[in-house]
C-alpha cells in the first residue's frame, strides 16, 4: 500500500542519514576490520606453551604470537577511522566472560590458507552477533557477503598452499596435533581488530 511504501521509504531515509556522519568526507581504513574477543590469560598461556613447540616442529608455518591471538566473531569489512572510533566505545566490554567449548582445528580463510580453532556458537550468542552486525552497518561498514556467516574462530597459523613444504606441515599438523587444552576458552571483552594474518 501507499502507506507501507511511505513507511519503508522513511526507514530507509533514516538508515542512510544515520550512516552519513561516518562515511562522508572520510577515508576508508586501508584494511578490513573484525569484531573479536580476547581469550583469557589461562588460554593464552596454554597457547604460548604449545606455540613454543610448534614453531620448532613446523618451521614453514607462520604462527600468531600469543599476545595477538583472538576470537573473530564478525568480519565488518572496510570502515572509516571516524566510524571505528565512534563504534569502539559502544561495543566496549561486550562478550566479557563468554565461554566457547569443544573447539577443533579447521582450515579456513578466503584462500584456504589458515589453521584455526573453530567453535560452535549458541543461538543466544548468534543473536547478539546479529545485533553487532547491524550496529557496524549503521556505522558505515562495507562487509563482504561471503563473510556474513557466524563462524567463531581463532586463526593461529598461516601456510602457503603453493609451497609443498608448508602444505605438508599443515597436513601433518591437522593429523597429529592435540589441541585439547585449547578446546575450551573463556573470553574477555570485545575489540575491533585488524587481522594480523591478513586473511
N, C-alpha and C. Protein backbone atom coordinates (compact mmCIF):
# COMPACT_ATOMS: atom_id res chain seq x y z
N UNK A 1 0.83 -1.18 0.00
CA UNK A 1 0.00 0.00 0.00
C UNK A 1 0.88 1.25 0.00
N UNK A 2 0.26 2.38 -0.29
CA UNK A 2 0.99 3.64 -0.31
C UNK A 2 1.54 3.96 1.07
N UNK A 3 0.77 3.65 2.11
CA UNK A 3 1.21 3.93 3.48
C UNK A 3 2.45 3.09 3.84
N UNK A 4 2.43 1.81 3.44
CA UNK A 4 3.58 0.94 3.71
C UNK A 4 4.81 1.41 2.94
N UNK A 5 4.61 1.81 1.68
CA UNK A 5 5.72 2.32 0.87
C UNK A 5 6.34 3.55 1.53
N UNK A 6 5.49 4.41 2.06
CA UNK A 6 5.98 5.61 2.73
C UNK A 6 6.77 5.26 3.98
N UNK A 7 6.28 4.26 4.73
CA UNK A 7 6.95 3.85 5.96
C UNK A 7 8.32 3.27 5.65
N UNK A 8 8.39 2.41 4.61
CA UNK A 8 9.68 1.82 4.25
C UNK A 8 10.65 2.88 3.72
N UNK A 9 10.12 3.83 2.99
CA UNK A 9 10.97 4.91 2.47
C UNK A 9 11.53 5.74 3.62
N UNK A 10 10.70 5.98 4.63
CA UNK A 10 11.13 6.75 5.80
C UNK A 10 12.21 5.98 6.56
N UNK A 11 12.02 4.66 6.74
CA UNK A 11 13.02 3.85 7.43
C UNK A 11 14.34 3.84 6.67
N UNK A 12 14.25 3.74 5.35
CA UNK A 12 15.48 3.74 4.54
C UNK A 12 16.18 5.09 4.64
N UNK A 13 15.42 6.16 4.62
CA UNK A 13 15.99 7.50 4.75
C UNK A 13 16.72 7.63 6.08
N UNK A 14 16.08 7.17 7.15
CA UNK A 14 16.71 7.25 8.47
C UNK A 14 17.97 6.41 8.53
N UNK A 15 17.95 5.24 7.88
CA UNK A 15 19.12 4.36 7.84
C UNK A 15 20.28 5.05 7.12
N UNK A 16 19.99 5.64 5.95
CA UNK A 16 21.04 6.29 5.17
C UNK A 16 21.61 7.49 5.91
N UNK A 17 20.73 8.33 6.47
CA UNK A 17 21.21 9.53 7.15
C UNK A 17 22.01 9.19 8.41
N UNK A 18 21.70 8.05 9.04
CA UNK A 18 22.47 7.65 10.23
C UNK A 18 23.91 7.28 9.87
N UNK A 19 24.11 6.84 8.60
CA UNK A 19 25.44 6.45 8.16
C UNK A 19 26.29 7.63 7.70
N UNK A 20 25.63 8.71 7.29
CA UNK A 20 26.33 9.84 6.68
C UNK A 20 27.51 10.36 7.50
N UNK A 21 27.35 10.60 8.81
CA UNK A 21 28.48 11.15 9.57
C UNK A 21 29.73 10.25 9.58
N UNK A 22 29.52 8.95 9.31
CA UNK A 22 30.63 8.01 9.38
C UNK A 22 31.30 7.76 8.03
N UNK A 23 30.70 8.23 6.95
CA UNK A 23 31.26 7.90 5.63
C UNK A 23 31.56 9.12 4.76
N UNK A 24 30.90 10.25 5.01
CA UNK A 24 31.10 11.42 4.17
C UNK A 24 32.40 12.14 4.56
N UNK A 25 33.18 12.52 3.55
CA UNK A 25 34.45 13.22 3.75
C UNK A 25 35.42 12.44 4.64
N UNK A 26 35.34 11.12 4.58
CA UNK A 26 36.23 10.27 5.37
C UNK A 26 36.86 9.22 4.46
N UNK A 27 38.05 8.80 4.82
CA UNK A 27 38.77 7.80 4.04
C UNK A 27 38.62 6.44 4.70
N UNK A 28 38.33 5.43 3.89
CA UNK A 28 38.19 4.08 4.44
C UNK A 28 39.50 3.59 5.01
N UNK A 29 39.43 2.86 6.12
CA UNK A 29 40.60 2.23 6.71
C UNK A 29 41.25 1.34 5.66
N UNK A 30 42.60 1.33 5.57
CA UNK A 30 43.27 0.60 4.50
C UNK A 30 43.03 -0.91 4.50
N UNK A 31 42.71 -1.49 5.66
CA UNK A 31 42.46 -2.92 5.72
C UNK A 31 41.10 -3.19 6.36
N UNK A 32 40.48 -4.34 6.01
CA UNK A 32 39.22 -4.70 6.66
C UNK A 32 39.41 -4.89 8.16
N UNK A 33 38.34 -4.68 8.91
CA UNK A 33 38.42 -4.86 10.36
C UNK A 33 37.45 -5.95 10.81
N UNK A 34 37.72 -6.49 12.00
CA UNK A 34 36.96 -7.59 12.55
C UNK A 34 36.50 -7.24 13.96
N UNK A 35 35.38 -7.81 14.36
CA UNK A 35 34.96 -7.73 15.75
C UNK A 35 35.44 -9.01 16.42
N UNK A 36 36.22 -8.86 17.48
CA UNK A 36 36.88 -10.00 18.10
C UNK A 36 36.72 -9.99 19.62
N UNK A 37 36.94 -11.15 20.22
CA UNK A 37 37.01 -11.28 21.67
C UNK A 37 38.40 -11.78 22.04
N UNK A 38 38.92 -11.28 23.14
CA UNK A 38 40.26 -11.63 23.59
C UNK A 38 40.21 -12.81 24.56
N UNK A 39 40.96 -13.89 24.30
CA UNK A 39 40.97 -15.03 25.23
C UNK A 39 41.57 -14.63 26.58
N UNK A 40 41.14 -15.33 27.64
CA UNK A 40 41.66 -15.02 28.96
C UNK A 40 43.11 -15.51 29.11
N UNK A 41 43.71 -15.18 30.23
CA UNK A 41 45.13 -15.47 30.45
C UNK A 41 45.42 -16.97 30.44
N UNK A 42 44.51 -17.77 30.98
CA UNK A 42 44.72 -19.22 31.01
C UNK A 42 44.86 -19.78 29.60
N UNK A 43 43.96 -19.39 28.71
CA UNK A 43 44.03 -19.86 27.33
C UNK A 43 45.31 -19.39 26.66
N UNK A 44 45.64 -18.12 26.82
CA UNK A 44 46.81 -17.58 26.14
C UNK A 44 48.10 -18.22 26.65
N UNK A 45 48.14 -18.56 27.92
CA UNK A 45 49.31 -19.25 28.46
C UNK A 45 49.42 -20.66 27.88
N UNK A 46 48.29 -21.36 27.76
CA UNK A 46 48.30 -22.68 27.15
C UNK A 46 48.74 -22.62 25.69
N UNK A 47 48.24 -21.60 24.98
CA UNK A 47 48.63 -21.43 23.57
C UNK A 47 50.12 -21.11 23.47
N UNK A 48 50.62 -20.28 24.36
CA UNK A 48 52.03 -19.89 24.34
C UNK A 48 52.93 -21.11 24.48
N UNK A 49 52.55 -22.03 25.37
CA UNK A 49 53.34 -23.24 25.58
C UNK A 49 53.33 -24.11 24.33
N UNK A 50 52.18 -24.25 23.72
CA UNK A 50 52.09 -25.06 22.50
C UNK A 50 52.83 -24.39 21.35
N UNK A 51 52.70 -23.07 21.24
CA UNK A 51 53.35 -22.36 20.15
C UNK A 51 54.86 -22.52 20.22
N UNK A 52 55.41 -22.49 21.43
CA UNK A 52 56.85 -22.64 21.61
C UNK A 52 57.35 -23.94 20.98
N UNK A 53 56.57 -24.99 21.08
CA UNK A 53 56.94 -26.28 20.48
C UNK A 53 56.62 -26.32 19.00
N UNK A 54 55.47 -25.74 18.63
CA UNK A 54 55.05 -25.78 17.24
C UNK A 54 55.99 -25.05 16.29
N UNK A 55 56.51 -23.90 16.71
CA UNK A 55 57.37 -23.13 15.80
C UNK A 55 58.65 -23.88 15.46
N UNK A 56 59.09 -24.76 16.36
CA UNK A 56 60.28 -25.57 16.10
C UNK A 56 59.94 -26.77 15.22
N UNK A 57 58.78 -27.34 15.48
CA UNK A 57 58.36 -28.55 14.77
C UNK A 57 57.87 -28.25 13.36
N UNK A 58 57.27 -27.05 13.17
CA UNK A 58 56.70 -26.68 11.87
C UNK A 58 57.26 -25.34 11.41
N UNK A 59 58.51 -25.31 10.96
CA UNK A 59 59.16 -24.03 10.60
C UNK A 59 58.55 -23.34 9.38
N UNK A 60 57.76 -24.06 8.60
CA UNK A 60 57.16 -23.46 7.40
C UNK A 60 55.74 -22.97 7.62
N UNK A 61 55.29 -22.97 8.87
CA UNK A 61 54.00 -22.39 9.22
C UNK A 61 54.24 -21.09 9.98
N UNK A 62 53.42 -20.10 9.73
CA UNK A 62 53.52 -18.80 10.39
C UNK A 62 52.51 -18.74 11.52
N UNK A 63 52.99 -18.86 12.77
CA UNK A 63 52.10 -18.89 13.92
C UNK A 63 51.90 -17.50 14.51
N UNK A 64 50.67 -17.23 14.95
CA UNK A 64 50.36 -15.97 15.63
C UNK A 64 51.07 -15.91 16.97
N UNK A 65 51.50 -14.72 17.35
CA UNK A 65 52.05 -14.53 18.68
C UNK A 65 50.95 -14.69 19.71
N UNK A 66 51.33 -15.11 20.93
CA UNK A 66 50.31 -15.35 21.95
C UNK A 66 49.56 -14.06 22.30
N UNK A 67 50.23 -12.90 22.23
CA UNK A 67 49.55 -11.65 22.55
C UNK A 67 48.58 -11.21 21.44
N UNK A 68 48.71 -11.82 20.25
CA UNK A 68 47.85 -11.45 19.14
C UNK A 68 46.66 -12.39 18.96
N UNK A 69 46.65 -13.51 19.66
CA UNK A 69 45.59 -14.49 19.45
C UNK A 69 44.24 -13.90 19.88
N UNK A 70 43.21 -14.10 19.07
CA UNK A 70 41.90 -13.52 19.32
C UNK A 70 40.83 -14.34 18.63
N UNK A 71 39.61 -14.27 19.15
CA UNK A 71 38.49 -14.95 18.51
C UNK A 71 37.72 -13.98 17.63
N UNK A 72 37.63 -14.30 16.37
CA UNK A 72 36.87 -13.47 15.44
C UNK A 72 35.40 -13.86 15.49
N UNK A 73 34.56 -12.87 15.73
CA UNK A 73 33.12 -13.09 15.73
C UNK A 73 32.49 -12.67 14.41
N UNK A 74 33.00 -11.55 13.87
CA UNK A 74 32.34 -10.99 12.69
C UNK A 74 33.32 -10.17 11.87
N UNK A 75 33.29 -10.37 10.56
CA UNK A 75 34.09 -9.61 9.63
C UNK A 75 33.31 -8.36 9.24
N UNK A 76 33.74 -7.20 9.73
CA UNK A 76 32.99 -5.96 9.49
C UNK A 76 33.33 -5.31 8.16
N UNK A 77 34.44 -5.70 7.54
CA UNK A 77 34.82 -5.11 6.26
C UNK A 77 35.48 -3.75 6.41
N UNK A 78 35.39 -2.95 5.36
CA UNK A 78 36.03 -1.63 5.36
C UNK A 78 35.18 -0.62 6.11
N UNK A 79 35.83 0.15 6.97
CA UNK A 79 35.17 1.23 7.70
C UNK A 79 36.10 2.43 7.72
N UNK A 80 35.55 3.60 7.96
CA UNK A 80 36.38 4.79 8.09
C UNK A 80 36.92 4.86 9.52
N UNK A 81 38.00 5.61 9.69
CA UNK A 81 38.57 5.77 11.03
C UNK A 81 37.55 6.41 11.97
N UNK A 82 36.78 7.36 11.44
CA UNK A 82 35.75 8.02 12.25
C UNK A 82 34.72 7.00 12.74
N UNK A 83 34.31 6.11 11.85
CA UNK A 83 33.33 5.09 12.21
C UNK A 83 33.88 4.15 13.27
N UNK A 84 35.14 3.73 13.11
CA UNK A 84 35.77 2.83 14.07
C UNK A 84 35.85 3.49 15.44
N UNK A 85 36.27 4.75 15.45
CA UNK A 85 36.41 5.47 16.73
C UNK A 85 35.07 5.69 17.41
N UNK A 86 34.02 5.87 16.63
CA UNK A 86 32.68 6.07 17.19
C UNK A 86 32.09 4.76 17.68
N UNK A 87 32.36 3.68 16.92
CA UNK A 87 31.81 2.37 17.26
C UNK A 87 32.47 1.78 18.50
N UNK A 88 33.77 1.97 18.66
CA UNK A 88 34.55 1.31 19.72
C UNK A 88 33.94 1.44 21.11
N UNK A 89 33.60 2.65 21.57
CA UNK A 89 33.04 2.76 22.93
C UNK A 89 31.66 2.12 23.07
N UNK A 90 30.94 1.97 21.97
CA UNK A 90 29.61 1.39 22.03
C UNK A 90 29.65 -0.13 22.22
N UNK A 91 30.76 -0.76 21.82
CA UNK A 91 30.86 -2.22 21.94
C UNK A 91 31.83 -2.62 23.05
N UNK A 92 32.37 -1.63 23.76
CA UNK A 92 33.34 -1.90 24.82
C UNK A 92 32.74 -2.82 25.89
N UNK A 93 33.45 -3.89 26.20
CA UNK A 93 33.01 -4.81 27.24
C UNK A 93 32.06 -5.89 26.78
N UNK A 94 31.55 -5.79 25.57
CA UNK A 94 30.66 -6.83 25.06
C UNK A 94 31.41 -8.18 25.05
N UNK A 95 30.72 -9.23 25.45
CA UNK A 95 31.31 -10.57 25.40
C UNK A 95 32.15 -10.94 26.60
N UNK A 96 32.28 -10.05 27.58
CA UNK A 96 33.09 -10.34 28.76
C UNK A 96 32.56 -11.59 29.45
N UNK A 97 33.46 -12.57 29.65
CA UNK A 97 33.09 -13.80 30.34
C UNK A 97 32.43 -14.86 29.48
N UNK A 98 32.25 -14.58 28.20
CA UNK A 98 31.67 -15.59 27.31
C UNK A 98 32.56 -16.83 27.26
N UNK A 99 31.95 -17.99 27.12
CA UNK A 99 32.71 -19.23 27.03
C UNK A 99 32.31 -20.00 25.77
N UNK A 100 33.31 -20.54 25.10
CA UNK A 100 33.08 -21.41 23.95
C UNK A 100 33.76 -22.74 24.25
N UNK A 101 33.14 -23.84 23.81
CA UNK A 101 33.66 -25.16 24.13
C UNK A 101 33.78 -26.03 22.89
N UNK A 102 34.57 -27.11 23.04
CA UNK A 102 34.72 -28.15 22.02
C UNK A 102 35.23 -27.59 20.70
N UNK A 103 36.22 -26.72 20.80
CA UNK A 103 36.84 -26.20 19.58
C UNK A 103 37.74 -27.24 18.92
N UNK A 104 37.81 -27.20 17.62
CA UNK A 104 38.67 -28.10 16.85
C UNK A 104 39.38 -27.36 15.76
N UNK A 105 40.46 -27.94 15.23
CA UNK A 105 41.26 -27.28 14.20
C UNK A 105 40.64 -27.51 12.83
N UNK A 106 40.51 -26.41 12.07
CA UNK A 106 39.98 -26.48 10.71
C UNK A 106 40.81 -25.57 9.81
N UNK A 107 40.72 -25.82 8.50
CA UNK A 107 41.33 -24.94 7.51
C UNK A 107 40.26 -23.95 7.06
N UNK A 108 40.57 -22.65 7.19
CA UNK A 108 39.60 -21.62 6.81
C UNK A 108 40.32 -20.53 6.02
N UNK A 109 39.63 -19.43 5.76
CA UNK A 109 40.21 -18.28 5.07
C UNK A 109 39.77 -18.21 3.63
N UNK A 110 39.78 -17.01 3.08
CA UNK A 110 39.34 -16.81 1.70
C UNK A 110 40.19 -17.61 0.73
N UNK A 111 41.48 -17.86 1.10
CA UNK A 111 42.39 -18.64 0.26
C UNK A 111 42.63 -20.04 0.82
N UNK A 112 41.86 -20.41 1.83
CA UNK A 112 42.03 -21.71 2.50
C UNK A 112 43.48 -21.93 2.88
N UNK A 113 44.03 -20.93 3.59
CA UNK A 113 45.44 -20.98 3.96
C UNK A 113 45.67 -20.69 5.44
N UNK A 114 44.61 -20.85 6.25
CA UNK A 114 44.72 -20.59 7.68
C UNK A 114 44.33 -21.83 8.47
N UNK A 115 45.08 -22.10 9.53
CA UNK A 115 44.67 -23.09 10.51
C UNK A 115 44.00 -22.33 11.65
N UNK A 116 42.83 -22.78 12.04
CA UNK A 116 42.07 -22.06 13.05
C UNK A 116 41.35 -23.02 13.98
N UNK A 117 41.21 -22.59 15.23
CA UNK A 117 40.34 -23.27 16.17
C UNK A 117 38.94 -22.74 15.94
N UNK A 118 38.03 -23.63 15.56
CA UNK A 118 36.67 -23.22 15.24
C UNK A 118 35.73 -23.74 16.32
N UNK A 119 34.80 -22.87 16.75
CA UNK A 119 33.90 -23.21 17.84
C UNK A 119 32.45 -23.06 17.38
N UNK A 120 31.57 -23.80 18.05
CA UNK A 120 30.14 -23.68 17.75
C UNK A 120 29.56 -22.55 18.58
N UNK A 121 28.73 -21.74 17.97
CA UNK A 121 28.09 -20.63 18.68
C UNK A 121 26.69 -21.02 19.12
N UNK A 122 26.30 -20.61 20.32
CA UNK A 122 24.95 -20.88 20.80
C UNK A 122 23.96 -19.93 20.11
N UNK A 123 22.67 -20.27 20.09
CA UNK A 123 21.68 -19.37 19.49
C UNK A 123 21.70 -17.98 20.13
N UNK A 124 21.93 -17.92 21.44
CA UNK A 124 21.94 -16.62 22.13
C UNK A 124 23.10 -15.76 21.64
N UNK A 125 24.27 -16.36 21.51
CA UNK A 125 25.44 -15.62 21.02
C UNK A 125 25.24 -15.23 19.57
N UNK A 126 24.66 -16.13 18.77
CA UNK A 126 24.39 -15.82 17.37
C UNK A 126 23.49 -14.59 17.24
N UNK A 127 22.48 -14.51 18.12
CA UNK A 127 21.57 -13.37 18.09
C UNK A 127 22.30 -12.08 18.46
N UNK A 128 23.19 -12.16 19.44
CA UNK A 128 23.94 -10.97 19.86
C UNK A 128 24.89 -10.52 18.76
N UNK A 129 25.49 -11.47 18.06
CA UNK A 129 26.38 -11.12 16.95
C UNK A 129 25.58 -10.45 15.83
N UNK A 130 24.35 -10.91 15.61
CA UNK A 130 23.50 -10.26 14.59
C UNK A 130 23.26 -8.80 14.95
N UNK A 131 23.10 -8.51 16.24
CA UNK A 131 22.93 -7.13 16.68
C UNK A 131 24.20 -6.32 16.42
N UNK A 132 25.37 -6.94 16.65
CA UNK A 132 26.63 -6.27 16.38
C UNK A 132 26.80 -5.98 14.90
N UNK A 133 26.38 -6.93 14.07
CA UNK A 133 26.45 -6.72 12.61
C UNK A 133 25.64 -5.48 12.22
N UNK A 134 24.42 -5.40 12.76
CA UNK A 134 23.55 -4.26 12.44
C UNK A 134 24.18 -2.96 12.90
N UNK A 135 24.85 -3.00 14.05
CA UNK A 135 25.48 -1.79 14.58
C UNK A 135 26.64 -1.33 13.68
N UNK A 136 27.43 -2.27 13.18
CA UNK A 136 28.54 -1.89 12.30
C UNK A 136 28.02 -1.32 10.98
N UNK A 137 26.93 -1.88 10.48
CA UNK A 137 26.35 -1.37 9.24
C UNK A 137 25.85 0.05 9.45
N UNK A 138 25.25 0.32 10.60
CA UNK A 138 24.80 1.68 10.92
C UNK A 138 25.97 2.65 10.93
N UNK A 139 27.16 2.14 11.21
CA UNK A 139 28.35 2.98 11.24
C UNK A 139 29.12 2.93 9.92
N UNK A 140 28.43 2.49 8.87
CA UNK A 140 29.01 2.60 7.53
C UNK A 140 29.91 1.48 7.10
N UNK A 141 29.89 0.33 7.77
CA UNK A 141 30.77 -0.78 7.35
C UNK A 141 30.36 -1.30 5.98
N UNK A 142 31.33 -1.86 5.29
CA UNK A 142 31.09 -2.43 3.97
C UNK A 142 31.58 -3.87 3.97
N UNK A 143 30.82 -4.78 4.60
CA UNK A 143 31.25 -6.18 4.69
C UNK A 143 31.11 -6.90 3.37
N UNK A 144 31.92 -7.95 3.21
CA UNK A 144 31.79 -8.81 2.04
C UNK A 144 30.74 -9.87 2.35
N UNK A 145 29.85 -10.12 1.41
CA UNK A 145 28.73 -11.03 1.64
C UNK A 145 29.21 -12.42 2.03
N UNK A 146 30.33 -12.88 1.46
CA UNK A 146 30.78 -14.25 1.72
C UNK A 146 31.25 -14.44 3.17
N UNK A 147 31.45 -13.36 3.91
CA UNK A 147 31.88 -13.49 5.31
C UNK A 147 30.75 -13.21 6.29
N UNK A 148 29.51 -13.28 5.83
CA UNK A 148 28.39 -12.94 6.70
C UNK A 148 28.01 -14.07 7.66
N UNK A 149 28.45 -15.30 7.37
CA UNK A 149 28.10 -16.42 8.24
C UNK A 149 28.78 -16.26 9.61
N UNK A 150 28.06 -16.65 10.66
CA UNK A 150 28.61 -16.58 12.01
C UNK A 150 29.52 -17.79 12.21
N UNK A 151 30.82 -17.53 12.33
CA UNK A 151 31.79 -18.61 12.42
C UNK A 151 32.85 -18.22 13.46
N UNK A 152 32.54 -18.39 14.75
CA UNK A 152 33.53 -18.01 15.78
C UNK A 152 34.78 -18.87 15.67
N UNK A 153 35.91 -18.22 15.52
CA UNK A 153 37.15 -18.97 15.32
C UNK A 153 38.36 -18.15 15.76
N UNK A 154 39.46 -18.85 15.99
CA UNK A 154 40.73 -18.22 16.29
C UNK A 154 41.77 -18.72 15.30
N UNK A 155 42.14 -17.88 14.35
CA UNK A 155 43.21 -18.23 13.42
C UNK A 155 44.54 -18.17 14.17
N UNK A 156 45.33 -19.21 14.07
CA UNK A 156 46.59 -19.22 14.80
C UNK A 156 47.80 -19.54 13.93
N UNK A 157 47.59 -19.96 12.69
CA UNK A 157 48.73 -20.26 11.82
C UNK A 157 48.34 -20.07 10.36
N UNK A 158 49.30 -19.61 9.59
CA UNK A 158 49.09 -19.44 8.15
C UNK A 158 50.09 -20.31 7.40
N UNK A 159 49.62 -20.92 6.31
CA UNK A 159 50.52 -21.73 5.48
C UNK A 159 50.36 -21.33 4.03
N UNK A 160 51.30 -21.77 3.21
CA UNK A 160 51.30 -21.43 1.79
C UNK A 160 50.90 -22.65 0.97
N UNK A 161 49.68 -22.70 0.43
CA UNK A 161 49.24 -23.87 -0.34
C UNK A 161 50.09 -24.15 -1.56
N UNK A 162 50.82 -23.13 -2.06
CA UNK A 162 51.66 -23.32 -3.25
C UNK A 162 53.04 -23.86 -2.90
N UNK A 163 53.36 -23.91 -1.61
CA UNK A 163 54.66 -24.40 -1.15
C UNK A 163 54.49 -25.82 -0.62
N UNK A 164 55.10 -26.82 -1.27
CA UNK A 164 54.94 -28.21 -0.84
C UNK A 164 55.33 -28.44 0.62
N UNK A 165 56.42 -27.78 1.08
CA UNK A 165 56.87 -27.96 2.46
C UNK A 165 55.84 -27.41 3.45
N UNK A 166 55.33 -26.23 3.15
CA UNK A 166 54.34 -25.60 4.01
C UNK A 166 53.05 -26.41 4.02
N UNK A 167 52.64 -26.87 2.85
CA UNK A 167 51.42 -27.66 2.74
C UNK A 167 51.55 -28.98 3.50
N UNK A 168 52.73 -29.61 3.39
CA UNK A 168 52.96 -30.88 4.08
C UNK A 168 52.91 -30.70 5.59
N UNK A 169 53.48 -29.60 6.08
CA UNK A 169 53.46 -29.35 7.52
C UNK A 169 52.04 -29.07 8.02
N UNK A 170 51.25 -28.34 7.24
CA UNK A 170 49.86 -28.08 7.62
C UNK A 170 49.08 -29.39 7.70
N UNK A 171 49.34 -30.30 6.76
CA UNK A 171 48.67 -31.59 6.76
C UNK A 171 49.07 -32.41 7.98
N UNK A 172 50.36 -32.42 8.30
CA UNK A 172 50.86 -33.14 9.48
C UNK A 172 50.26 -32.56 10.75
N UNK A 173 50.16 -31.25 10.80
CA UNK A 173 49.59 -30.60 11.98
C UNK A 173 48.16 -31.09 12.19
N UNK A 174 47.36 -31.08 11.14
CA UNK A 174 45.96 -31.49 11.24
C UNK A 174 45.84 -32.95 11.66
N UNK A 175 46.78 -33.77 11.23
CA UNK A 175 46.72 -35.20 11.51
C UNK A 175 47.21 -35.55 12.92
N UNK A 176 48.20 -34.81 13.41
CA UNK A 176 48.92 -35.26 14.60
C UNK A 176 48.76 -34.44 15.86
N UNK A 177 48.41 -33.16 15.74
CA UNK A 177 48.47 -32.29 16.92
C UNK A 177 47.23 -32.38 17.80
N UNK A 178 47.47 -32.41 19.09
CA UNK A 178 46.40 -32.43 20.09
C UNK A 178 46.20 -31.02 20.63
N UNK A 179 44.99 -30.53 20.51
CA UNK A 179 44.71 -29.16 20.97
C UNK A 179 43.71 -29.18 22.13
N UNK A 180 43.75 -30.26 22.92
CA UNK A 180 42.76 -30.42 23.98
C UNK A 180 42.76 -29.27 24.98
N UNK A 181 43.94 -28.72 25.29
CA UNK A 181 43.99 -27.61 26.25
C UNK A 181 43.48 -26.31 25.66
N UNK A 182 43.20 -26.29 24.36
CA UNK A 182 42.70 -25.10 23.69
C UNK A 182 41.25 -25.26 23.24
N UNK A 183 40.64 -26.42 23.54
CA UNK A 183 39.30 -26.69 23.02
C UNK A 183 38.22 -25.86 23.72
N UNK A 184 38.48 -25.45 24.96
CA UNK A 184 37.55 -24.59 25.69
C UNK A 184 38.22 -23.25 25.96
N UNK A 185 37.45 -22.18 25.89
CA UNK A 185 38.04 -20.85 26.09
C UNK A 185 37.04 -19.92 26.75
N UNK A 186 37.54 -19.14 27.70
CA UNK A 186 36.77 -18.07 28.31
C UNK A 186 37.33 -16.76 27.78
N UNK A 187 36.45 -15.80 27.50
CA UNK A 187 36.86 -14.62 26.76
C UNK A 187 36.65 -13.32 27.53
N UNK A 188 37.49 -12.37 27.17
CA UNK A 188 37.37 -11.02 27.70
C UNK A 188 36.50 -10.20 26.75
N UNK A 189 36.46 -8.88 26.94
CA UNK A 189 35.57 -8.03 26.16
C UNK A 189 35.94 -7.89 24.70
N UNK A 190 35.01 -7.31 23.96
CA UNK A 190 35.15 -7.18 22.51
C UNK A 190 36.15 -6.10 22.13
N UNK A 191 36.87 -6.36 21.02
CA UNK A 191 37.81 -5.41 20.45
C UNK A 191 37.56 -5.31 18.95
N UNK A 192 37.95 -4.18 18.39
CA UNK A 192 37.93 -4.02 16.92
C UNK A 192 39.34 -4.27 16.44
N UNK A 193 39.50 -5.21 15.55
CA UNK A 193 40.81 -5.78 15.23
C UNK A 193 41.12 -5.71 13.75
N UNK A 194 42.38 -5.43 13.43
CA UNK A 194 42.86 -5.58 12.06
C UNK A 194 43.65 -6.88 12.04
N UNK A 195 43.22 -7.86 11.24
CA UNK A 195 43.76 -9.20 11.32
C UNK A 195 45.24 -9.25 11.02
N UNK A 196 46.01 -9.80 11.99
CA UNK A 196 47.46 -9.89 11.84
C UNK A 196 47.86 -10.84 10.72
N UNK A 197 47.01 -11.86 10.45
CA UNK A 197 47.34 -12.83 9.40
C UNK A 197 46.80 -12.39 8.05
N UNK A 198 46.07 -11.26 8.03
CA UNK A 198 45.64 -10.63 6.79
C UNK A 198 44.85 -11.56 5.90
N UNK A 199 43.87 -12.25 6.47
CA UNK A 199 43.01 -13.11 5.67
C UNK A 199 41.68 -13.34 6.40
